[in-house]
Amino acid sequence: MTIKIRRLILPTLLIFQICFIFIMSSFGHNSSDAQSNLFVDFIAQNFPHVRHGLENNLISLSTLIFLVRKTAHFTEYAILGALFYLNVIQLPKLNRYPKKILLPIFFSFLYACTDEIHQIFVPGRSAQFRDILIDTLGASFGCLLIHALLTLFTKLKSNSKTQNQSPSQTSTSPQTKN
């Protein structure tokens, strides 16, 4: 992917993710419940252990709904953290340790705070500090996952380049070796 395309696509994806989170936070309690119940029904139908747990009161429906909702928070912000990271590393002044790791997490944390403030004004929703923590953990996970994958791909790419060179290209004479 060329640098110009990357510098256009990555910010666009970041803005879409920010808008997606804002829109999801704008739904009232009833709509949020309906979305959660859709996933809960899917999980209960397709995972026999969960269905067994619900039927035998080993896990409550409210606990399962809670886990689905918090997993959604974590996932939304993992994507946000990854996109912030990919955007930050495009800027040479910011593409240094620890800035390239800490800034995306910090930006995601700030957005999580504004998202919770936004939810105060949505009927049936409230601001939860716990959600800010979950969101920030998700963003940290997404950022660190992308960082680890890019580091791994870079190392694999450099290893494959050195292995593809002929033996005469990789060996150096004793005089030039220092």
Protein backbone atom coordinates (compact mmCIF):
# COMPACT_ATOMS: atom_id res chain seq x y z
CA MET A 1 0.00 0.00 0.00
CA THR A 2 1.47 3.35 -0.96
CA ILE A 3 2.08 6.01 1.65
CA LYS A 4 -0.48 8.40 0.13
CA ILE A 5 -3.21 5.75 0.17
CA ARG A 6 -2.26 4.71 3.72
CA ARG A 7 -2.40 8.33 4.88
CA LEU A 8 -5.90 8.62 3.42
CA ILE A 9 -7.39 5.26 4.37
CA LEU A 10 -6.15 4.97 7.96
CA PRO A 11 -7.54 8.31 9.19
CA THR A 12 -10.81 7.55 7.37
CA LEU A 13 -11.10 4.18 9.13
CA LEU A 14 -10.31 5.86 12.45
CA ILE A 15 -13.07 8.45 11.91
CA PHE A 16 -15.52 5.68 10.95
CA GLN A 17 -14.70 3.77 14.13
CA ILE A 18 -15.12 6.90 16.26
CA CYS A 19 -18.49 7.55 14.58
CA PHE A 20 -19.51 3.91 15.04
CA ILE A 21 -18.80 4.06 18.77
CA PHE A 22 -20.67 7.36 19.06
CA ILE A 23 -23.70 5.95 17.23
CA MET A 24 -23.71 2.78 19.33
CA SER A 25 -23.58 4.90 22.49
CA SER A 26 -26.49 6.99 21.24
CA PHE A 27 -28.91 4.07 21.33
CA GLY A 28 -31.19 4.02 24.34
CA HIS A 29 -31.45 1.19 26.82
CA ASN A 30 -34.16 -0.72 24.89
CA SER A 31 -32.18 -0.76 21.66
CA SER A 32 -29.01 -1.74 23.51
CA ASP A 33 -30.89 -4.57 25.21
CA ALA A 34 -32.19 -5.82 21.87
CA GLN A 35 -28.68 -5.90 20.40
CA SER A 36 -27.29 -7.70 23.44
CA ASN A 37 -30.15 -10.21 23.45
CA LEU A 38 -29.46 -11.01 19.80
CA PHE A 39 -25.92 -12.11 20.73
CA VAL A 40 -27.06 -13.85 23.91
CA ASP A 41 -29.61 -15.90 21.92
CA PHE A 42 -26.93 -16.79 19.36
CA ILE A 43 -24.52 -17.89 22.10
CA ALA A 44 -27.19 -19.88 23.96
CA GLN A 45 -28.25 -21.69 20.77
CA ASN A 46 -24.78 -22.48 19.45
CA PHE A 47 -22.81 -23.25 22.60
CA PRO A 48 -24.33 -26.21 24.49
CA HIS A 49 -22.33 -25.54 27.67
CA VAL A 50 -23.76 -22.04 27.94
CA ARG A 51 -27.29 -23.28 27.26
CA HIS A 52 -26.82 -25.98 29.93
CA GLY A 53 -25.56 -23.34 32.36
CA LEU A 54 -28.58 -21.12 31.71
CA GLU A 55 -31.06 -23.99 32.00
CA ASN A 56 -29.58 -25.24 35.27
CA ASN A 57 -29.05 -21.79 36.80
CA LEU A 58 -25.26 -22.19 36.75
CA ILE A 59 -25.02 -18.84 34.98
CA SER A 60 -27.68 -16.18 35.06
CA LEU A 61 -29.04 -14.48 31.99
CA SER A 62 -28.07 -11.09 33.40
CA THR A 63 -24.46 -12.28 33.82
CA LEU A 64 -24.36 -13.45 30.22
CA ILE A 65 -25.81 -10.14 29.01
CA PHE A 66 -23.24 -8.28 31.12
CA LEU A 67 -20.40 -10.31 29.58
CA VAL A 68 -21.70 -9.71 26.05
CA ARG A 69 -21.95 -5.96 26.63
CA LYS A 70 -18.49 -5.64 28.16
CA THR A 71 -16.98 -7.78 25.41
CA ALA A 72 -18.56 -5.40 22.89
CA HIS A 73 -16.96 -2.43 24.71
CA PHE A 74 -13.59 -4.19 24.75
CA THR A 75 -13.80 -5.09 21.05
CA GLU A 76 -14.92 -1.63 19.88
CA TYR A 77 -12.01 -0.05 21.68
CA ALA A 78 -9.49 -2.72 20.62
CA ILE A 79 -10.27 -1.69 17.04
CA LEU A 80 -10.03 1.98 18.01
CA GLY A 81 -6.66 1.47 19.73
CA ALA A 82 -5.32 -0.44 16.73
CA LEU A 83 -6.44 2.31 14.35
CA PHE A 84 -4.97 5.05 16.56
CA TYR A 85 -1.69 3.10 16.63
CA LEU A 86 -1.61 2.65 12.85
CA ASN A 87 -2.24 6.38 12.41
CA VAL A 88 0.38 7.45 14.97
CA ILE A 89 3.15 5.38 13.38
CA GLN A 90 2.57 7.21 10.09
CA LEU A 91 3.92 10.39 11.71
CA PRO A 92 7.73 10.32 11.96
CA LYS A 93 7.92 12.49 15.10
CA LEU A 94 5.52 10.18 16.94
CA ASN A 95 6.84 6.87 15.61
CA ARG A 96 9.24 6.40 18.54
CA TYR A 97 9.10 4.47 21.79
CA PRO A 98 7.24 4.94 24.07
CA LYS A 99 5.15 7.56 22.23
CA LYS A 100 3.90 5.20 19.55
CA ILE A 101 2.46 2.88 22.20
CA LEU A 102 1.31 5.34 24.86
CA LEU A 103 -0.30 7.99 22.64
CA PRO A 104 -2.87 5.67 21.00
CA ILE A 105 -3.81 4.30 24.42
CA PHE A 106 -4.09 7.82 25.84
CA PHE A 107 -6.20 9.04 22.88
CA SER A 108 -8.47 6.01 23.29
CA PHE A 109 -8.78 6.69 27.01
CA LEU A 110 -9.78 10.29 26.31
CA TYR A 111 -12.35 9.15 23.79
CA ALA A 112 -13.71 6.61 26.29
CA CYS A 113 -14.14 9.43 28.81
CA THR A 114 -16.03 11.58 26.29
CA ASP A 115 -18.12 8.56 25.30
CA GLU A 116 -19.20 8.00 28.89
CA ILE A 117 -20.02 11.71 29.28
CA HIS A 118 -22.08 11.44 26.08
CA GLN A 119 -24.02 8.52 27.56
CA ILE A 120 -25.17 10.69 30.48
CA PHE A 121 -27.38 12.53 28.00
CA VAL A 122 -28.83 9.38 26.39
CA PRO A 123 -32.12 8.24 27.98
CA GLY A 124 -31.71 4.95 29.83
CA ARG A 125 -27.89 5.11 29.75
CA SER A 126 -25.38 6.24 32.34
CA ALA A 127 -21.68 6.90 32.64
CA GLN A 128 -19.69 4.06 34.22
CA PHE A 129 -16.05 4.38 35.26
CA ARG A 130 -15.80 0.61 34.85
CA ASP A 131 -16.59 1.05 31.15
CA ILE A 132 -13.75 3.56 30.78
CA LEU A 133 -11.39 0.95 32.25
CA ILE A 134 -12.72 -1.80 29.99
CA ASP A 135 -12.49 0.50 26.96
CA THR A 136 -8.92 1.48 27.81
CA LEU A 137 -7.94 -2.17 28.31
CA GLY A 138 -9.47 -2.98 24.93
CA ALA A 139 -7.57 -0.11 23.29
CA SER A 140 -4.35 -1.24 24.96
CA PHE A 141 -4.90 -4.77 23.70
CA GLY A 142 -5.59 -3.60 20.13
CA CYS A 143 -2.59 -1.28 20.12
CA LEU A 144 -0.20 -3.88 21.54
CA LEU A 145 -1.55 -6.61 19.26
CA ILE A 146 -0.94 -4.53 16.13
CA HIS A 147 2.48 -3.49 17.44
CA ALA A 148 3.42 -7.13 18.07
CA LEU A 149 2.12 -8.25 14.66
CA LEU A 150 3.98 -5.49 12.80
CA THR A 151 7.17 -6.28 14.72
CA LEU A 152 6.77 -9.98 13.91
CA PHE A 153 6.10 -9.34 10.21
CA THR A 154 9.09 -6.99 10.00
CA LYS A 155 11.37 -9.63 11.54
CA LEU A 156 9.99 -12.38 9.31
CA LYS A 157 10.43 -10.18 6.25
CA SER A 158 14.02 -9.31 7.14
CA ASN A 159 14.79 -13.00 7.88
CA SER A 160 13.37 -14.09 4.53
CA LYS A 161 15.46 -11.45 2.75
CA THR A 162 18.67 -12.67 4.38
CA GLN A 163 17.80 -16.29 3.60
CA ASN A 164 17.06 -15.48 -0.05
CA GLN A 165 20.46 -13.91 -0.59
CA SER A 166 23.13 -16.13 -2.09
CA PRO A 167 25.92 -17.38 0.23
CA SER A 168 28.44 -15.10 -1.50
CA GLN A 169 26.26 -12.07 -0.71
CA THR A 170 25.82 -12.90 2.97
CA SER A 171 29.42 -13.78 3.74
CA THR A 172 31.88 -10.97 4.23
CA SER A 173 35.59 -11.06 3.99
CA PRO A 174 37.56 -10.75 7.24
CA GLN A 175 38.90 -7.35 6.14
CA THR A 176 35.44 -5.72 5.87
CA LYS A 177 34.06 -7.34 9.01
CA ASN A 178 34.21 -4.88 11.95
